[in-house]
Amino acid sequence: MDAPPPPDTPTELKKVRVSVFSQVYNLSTTGEPTELEESARRVDELMCSIARGGNLDAGRIAVLAAMHLADQLRIAEQRSLRFQTLLRQLDEAVEA
């Protein structure tokens, strides 16, 4: 497994073409293109699912998808903080 480049080393941008909600986007990433493609696939599925729920324009569907993803991120961040707190407590208990 290759080590990541040092922080001041420029990383190569890889071009990725994805389709979200019937729109094609040409994006760039310094990460793995397959990860960006998977993210686009998940956003596309979410937007299509929201669209099936009613007569909404694409802008509203995008905002609802963004709100859903932001809420999932908030929950994940809260869980991560709880996990970090538990790890710190476990480390302190082991050191005691």
N, C-alpha and C. Protein backbone atom coordinates (compact mmCIF):
# COMPACT_ATOMS: atom_id res chain seq x y z
N MET A 1 0.85 -1.18 0.00
CA MET A 1 0.00 0.00 0.00
C MET A 1 0.89 1.24 0.00
N ASP A 2 0.63 2.16 -0.91
CA ASP A 2 1.43 3.38 -1.03
C ASP A 2 1.05 4.37 0.06
N ALA A 3 2.06 5.05 0.57
CA ALA A 3 1.81 6.10 1.56
C ALA A 3 1.29 7.33 0.83
N PRO A 4 0.42 8.12 1.50
CA PRO A 4 -0.06 9.35 0.86
C PRO A 4 1.09 10.32 0.65
N PRO A 5 0.98 11.18 -0.37
CA PRO A 5 2.05 12.14 -0.62
C PRO A 5 2.15 13.14 0.52
N PRO A 6 3.32 13.73 0.72
CA PRO A 6 3.45 14.77 1.74
C PRO A 6 2.47 15.91 1.44
N PRO A 7 2.06 16.66 2.48
CA PRO A 7 1.04 17.71 2.30
C PRO A 7 1.35 18.74 1.24
N ASP A 8 2.62 19.07 1.01
CA ASP A 8 2.95 20.11 0.05
C ASP A 8 3.22 19.57 -1.35
N THR A 9 3.01 18.26 -1.56
CA THR A 9 3.22 17.66 -2.87
C THR A 9 1.92 17.74 -3.67
N PRO A 10 1.96 18.30 -4.88
CA PRO A 10 0.73 18.36 -5.67
C PRO A 10 0.27 16.93 -6.03
N THR A 11 -1.02 16.72 -5.99
CA THR A 11 -1.57 15.42 -6.35
C THR A 11 -2.24 15.53 -7.71
N GLU A 12 -2.26 14.43 -8.40
CA GLU A 12 -2.80 14.41 -9.76
C GLU A 12 -4.33 14.42 -9.73
N LEU A 13 -4.91 15.30 -10.52
CA LEU A 13 -6.36 15.34 -10.66
C LEU A 13 -6.78 14.32 -11.71
N LYS A 14 -7.78 13.53 -11.36
CA LYS A 14 -8.32 12.55 -12.30
C LYS A 14 -9.70 13.02 -12.72
N LYS A 15 -9.98 12.99 -14.01
CA LYS A 15 -11.27 13.41 -14.54
C LYS A 15 -12.26 12.25 -14.39
N VAL A 16 -13.48 12.59 -13.98
CA VAL A 16 -14.53 11.60 -13.79
C VAL A 16 -15.82 12.16 -14.39
N ARG A 17 -16.48 11.34 -15.18
CA ARG A 17 -17.76 11.73 -15.78
C ARG A 17 -18.85 10.94 -15.08
N VAL A 18 -19.81 11.67 -14.48
CA VAL A 18 -20.90 11.02 -13.75
C VAL A 18 -22.24 11.58 -14.23
N SER A 19 -23.28 10.83 -13.95
CA SER A 19 -24.63 11.26 -14.28
C SER A 19 -25.45 11.27 -12.99
N VAL A 20 -26.07 12.42 -12.72
CA VAL A 20 -26.93 12.56 -11.54
C VAL A 20 -28.23 13.19 -11.99
N PHE A 21 -29.31 12.49 -11.76
CA PHE A 21 -30.66 12.98 -12.08
C PHE A 21 -30.74 13.43 -13.54
N SER A 22 -30.25 12.54 -14.41
CA SER A 22 -30.28 12.73 -15.87
C SER A 22 -29.41 13.89 -16.36
N GLN A 23 -28.50 14.35 -15.54
CA GLN A 23 -27.56 15.40 -15.93
C GLN A 23 -26.15 14.83 -15.85
N VAL A 24 -25.34 15.11 -16.85
CA VAL A 24 -23.96 14.63 -16.87
C VAL A 24 -23.04 15.72 -16.32
N TYR A 25 -22.13 15.31 -15.45
CA TYR A 25 -21.18 16.24 -14.85
C TYR A 25 -19.77 15.71 -15.08
N ASN A 26 -18.87 16.59 -15.50
CA ASN A 26 -17.46 16.27 -15.62
C ASN A 26 -16.77 16.83 -14.39
N LEU A 27 -16.28 15.94 -13.55
CA LEU A 27 -15.70 16.33 -12.27
C LEU A 27 -14.23 15.93 -12.23
N SER A 28 -13.53 16.42 -11.24
CA SER A 28 -12.14 16.05 -11.00
C SER A 28 -11.99 15.62 -9.56
N THR A 29 -11.08 14.69 -9.33
CA THR A 29 -10.81 14.23 -7.97
C THR A 29 -9.34 13.89 -7.82
N THR A 30 -8.83 14.07 -6.62
CA THR A 30 -7.48 13.60 -6.31
C THR A 30 -7.55 12.22 -5.68
N GLY A 31 -8.77 11.78 -5.38
CA GLY A 31 -8.97 10.46 -4.79
C GLY A 31 -9.23 9.41 -5.86
N GLU A 32 -9.88 8.35 -5.43
CA GLU A 32 -10.21 7.27 -6.35
C GLU A 32 -11.46 7.63 -7.16
N PRO A 33 -11.39 7.57 -8.48
CA PRO A 33 -12.56 7.87 -9.30
C PRO A 33 -13.77 7.00 -8.95
N THR A 34 -13.55 5.75 -8.58
CA THR A 34 -14.67 4.87 -8.24
C THR A 34 -15.43 5.36 -7.02
N GLU A 35 -14.73 6.02 -6.09
CA GLU A 35 -15.41 6.56 -4.91
C GLU A 35 -16.32 7.72 -5.30
N LEU A 36 -15.85 8.58 -6.19
CA LEU A 36 -16.67 9.68 -6.67
C LEU A 36 -17.86 9.16 -7.47
N GLU A 37 -17.64 8.14 -8.28
CA GLU A 37 -18.73 7.52 -9.05
C GLU A 37 -19.77 6.91 -8.11
N GLU A 38 -19.33 6.28 -7.03
CA GLU A 38 -20.26 5.71 -6.05
C GLU A 38 -21.06 6.80 -5.35
N SER A 39 -20.41 7.90 -5.02
CA SER A 39 -21.13 9.02 -4.40
C SER A 39 -22.19 9.57 -5.35
N ALA A 40 -21.83 9.72 -6.61
CA ALA A 40 -22.78 10.21 -7.61
C ALA A 40 -23.95 9.24 -7.76
N ARG A 41 -23.66 7.94 -7.73
CA ARG A 41 -24.72 6.94 -7.86
C ARG A 41 -25.69 7.05 -6.68
N ARG A 42 -25.15 7.24 -5.48
CA ARG A 42 -26.00 7.35 -4.30
C ARG A 42 -26.86 8.61 -4.34
N VAL A 43 -26.27 9.73 -4.78
CA VAL A 43 -27.04 10.98 -4.90
C VAL A 43 -28.12 10.81 -5.95
N ASP A 44 -27.80 10.18 -7.07
CA ASP A 44 -28.78 9.94 -8.13
C ASP A 44 -29.93 9.09 -7.60
N GLU A 45 -29.63 8.02 -6.89
CA GLU A 45 -30.69 7.16 -6.34
C GLU A 45 -31.57 7.93 -5.36
N LEU A 46 -30.95 8.74 -4.52
CA LEU A 46 -31.71 9.53 -3.55
C LEU A 46 -32.62 10.53 -4.26
N MET A 47 -32.09 11.24 -5.24
CA MET A 47 -32.91 12.23 -5.95
C MET A 47 -34.05 11.55 -6.71
N CYS A 48 -33.78 10.42 -7.32
CA CYS A 48 -34.84 9.70 -8.03
C CYS A 48 -35.91 9.21 -7.06
N SER A 49 -35.49 8.77 -5.88
CA SER A 49 -36.44 8.33 -4.86
C SER A 49 -37.33 9.49 -4.40
N ILE A 50 -36.72 10.64 -4.18
CA ILE A 50 -37.48 11.83 -3.78
C ILE A 50 -38.44 12.24 -4.90
N ALA A 51 -38.00 12.16 -6.14
CA ALA A 51 -38.83 12.56 -7.28
C ALA A 51 -40.08 11.68 -7.40
N ARG A 52 -39.95 10.41 -7.03
CA ARG A 52 -41.10 9.50 -7.10
C ARG A 52 -42.18 9.88 -6.09
N GLY A 53 -41.80 10.65 -5.07
CA GLY A 53 -42.73 11.00 -4.01
C GLY A 53 -43.66 12.15 -4.33
N GLY A 54 -43.48 12.83 -5.43
CA GLY A 54 -44.36 13.96 -5.71
C GLY A 54 -43.93 14.74 -6.93
N ASN A 55 -44.67 15.78 -7.19
CA ASN A 55 -44.44 16.65 -8.34
C ASN A 55 -43.55 17.82 -7.94
N LEU A 56 -42.25 17.58 -7.86
CA LEU A 56 -41.32 18.62 -7.46
C LEU A 56 -40.36 18.93 -8.60
N ASP A 57 -39.92 20.19 -8.66
CA ASP A 57 -38.93 20.53 -9.68
C ASP A 57 -37.55 20.07 -9.21
N ALA A 58 -36.61 20.02 -10.14
CA ALA A 58 -35.27 19.49 -9.86
C ALA A 58 -34.57 20.26 -8.75
N GLY A 59 -34.77 21.57 -8.69
CA GLY A 59 -34.14 22.38 -7.65
C GLY A 59 -34.59 21.97 -6.26
N ARG A 60 -35.89 21.77 -6.10
CA ARG A 60 -36.42 21.35 -4.80
C ARG A 60 -35.95 19.95 -4.45
N ILE A 61 -35.91 19.08 -5.44
CA ILE A 61 -35.43 17.71 -5.22
C ILE A 61 -33.97 17.76 -4.75
N ALA A 62 -33.16 18.60 -5.38
CA ALA A 62 -31.75 18.72 -5.00
C ALA A 62 -31.61 19.24 -3.57
N VAL A 63 -32.43 20.23 -3.20
CA VAL A 63 -32.37 20.77 -1.84
C VAL A 63 -32.79 19.70 -0.83
N LEU A 64 -33.84 18.96 -1.12
CA LEU A 64 -34.28 17.90 -0.21
C LEU A 64 -33.21 16.81 -0.08
N ALA A 65 -32.56 16.47 -1.18
CA ALA A 65 -31.48 15.48 -1.14
C ALA A 65 -30.32 16.02 -0.30
N ALA A 66 -29.97 17.29 -0.49
CA ALA A 66 -28.88 17.89 0.29
C ALA A 66 -29.22 17.91 1.78
N MET A 67 -30.46 18.22 2.11
CA MET A 67 -30.88 18.23 3.51
C MET A 67 -30.80 16.83 4.11
N HIS A 68 -31.22 15.84 3.35
CA HIS A 68 -31.15 14.45 3.82
C HIS A 68 -29.70 14.05 4.07
N LEU A 69 -28.81 14.35 3.12
CA LEU A 69 -27.41 14.00 3.27
C LEU A 69 -26.75 14.77 4.41
N ALA A 70 -27.11 16.04 4.58
CA ALA A 70 -26.57 16.84 5.68
C ALA A 70 -27.01 16.25 7.03
N ASP A 71 -28.24 15.78 7.11
CA ASP A 71 -28.72 15.16 8.34
C ASP A 71 -27.97 13.86 8.61
N GLN A 72 -27.74 13.06 7.57
CA GLN A 72 -26.97 11.83 7.75
C GLN A 72 -25.55 12.15 8.23
N LEU A 73 -24.95 13.20 7.68
CA LEU A 73 -23.60 13.61 8.09
C LEU A 73 -23.61 14.05 9.55
N ARG A 74 -24.61 14.83 9.95
CA ARG A 74 -24.72 15.30 11.34
C ARG A 74 -24.79 14.11 12.29
N ILE A 75 -25.61 13.12 11.95
CA ILE A 75 -25.75 11.93 12.80
C ILE A 75 -24.42 11.17 12.87
N ALA A 76 -23.75 11.03 11.74
CA ALA A 76 -22.46 10.32 11.71
C ALA A 76 -21.42 11.07 12.55
N GLU A 77 -21.42 12.40 12.48
CA GLU A 77 -20.47 13.19 13.27
C GLU A 77 -20.74 13.03 14.76
N GLN A 78 -22.02 13.01 15.15
CA GLN A 78 -22.37 12.82 16.56
C GLN A 78 -21.90 11.45 17.05
N ARG A 79 -22.13 10.42 16.23
CA ARG A 79 -21.69 9.07 16.60
C ARG A 79 -20.17 9.01 16.71
N SER A 80 -19.48 9.68 15.79
CA SER A 80 -18.02 9.69 15.82
C SER A 80 -17.51 10.35 17.10
N LEU A 81 -18.12 11.46 17.49
CA LEU A 81 -17.72 12.14 18.72
C LEU A 81 -17.96 11.26 19.94
N ARG A 82 -19.10 10.57 19.97
CA ARG A 82 -19.39 9.65 21.08
C ARG A 82 -18.36 8.53 21.11
N PHE A 83 -18.02 7.99 19.94
CA PHE A 83 -17.04 6.93 19.85
C PHE A 83 -15.67 7.41 20.33
N GLN A 84 -15.27 8.61 19.91
CA GLN A 84 -13.99 9.17 20.34
C GLN A 84 -13.95 9.36 21.86
N THR A 85 -15.07 9.81 22.43
CA THR A 85 -15.16 9.99 23.87
C THR A 85 -15.02 8.66 24.58
N LEU A 86 -15.71 7.63 24.08
CA LEU A 86 -15.60 6.30 24.68
C LEU A 86 -14.18 5.75 24.58
N LEU A 87 -13.52 5.97 23.44
CA LEU A 87 -12.14 5.52 23.29
C LEU A 87 -11.21 6.23 24.28
N ARG A 88 -11.42 7.53 24.45
CA ARG A 88 -10.60 8.29 25.39
C ARG A 88 -10.81 7.76 26.81
N GLN A 89 -12.07 7.49 27.16
CA GLN A 89 -12.37 6.96 28.49
C GLN A 89 -11.74 5.57 28.68
N LEU A 90 -11.78 4.76 27.64
CA LEU A 90 -11.19 3.43 27.70
C LEU A 90 -9.67 3.54 27.85
N ASP A 91 -9.04 4.44 27.09
CA ASP A 91 -7.60 4.65 27.22
C ASP A 91 -7.23 5.09 28.64
N GLU A 92 -8.02 6.01 29.20
CA GLU A 92 -7.76 6.48 30.55
C GLU A 92 -7.93 5.36 31.57
N ALA A 93 -8.92 4.51 31.38
CA ALA A 93 -9.14 3.39 32.30
C ALA A 93 -8.02 2.37 32.21
N VAL A 94 -7.51 2.14 31.02
CA VAL A 94 -6.42 1.18 30.83
C VAL A 94 -5.13 1.73 31.44
N GLU A 95 -4.91 3.03 31.31
CA GLU A 95 -3.70 3.65 31.86
C GLU A 95 -3.72 3.75 33.37
N ALA A 96 -4.89 3.74 33.96
CA ALA A 96 -5.02 3.91 35.42
C ALA A 96 -4.56 2.70 36.18
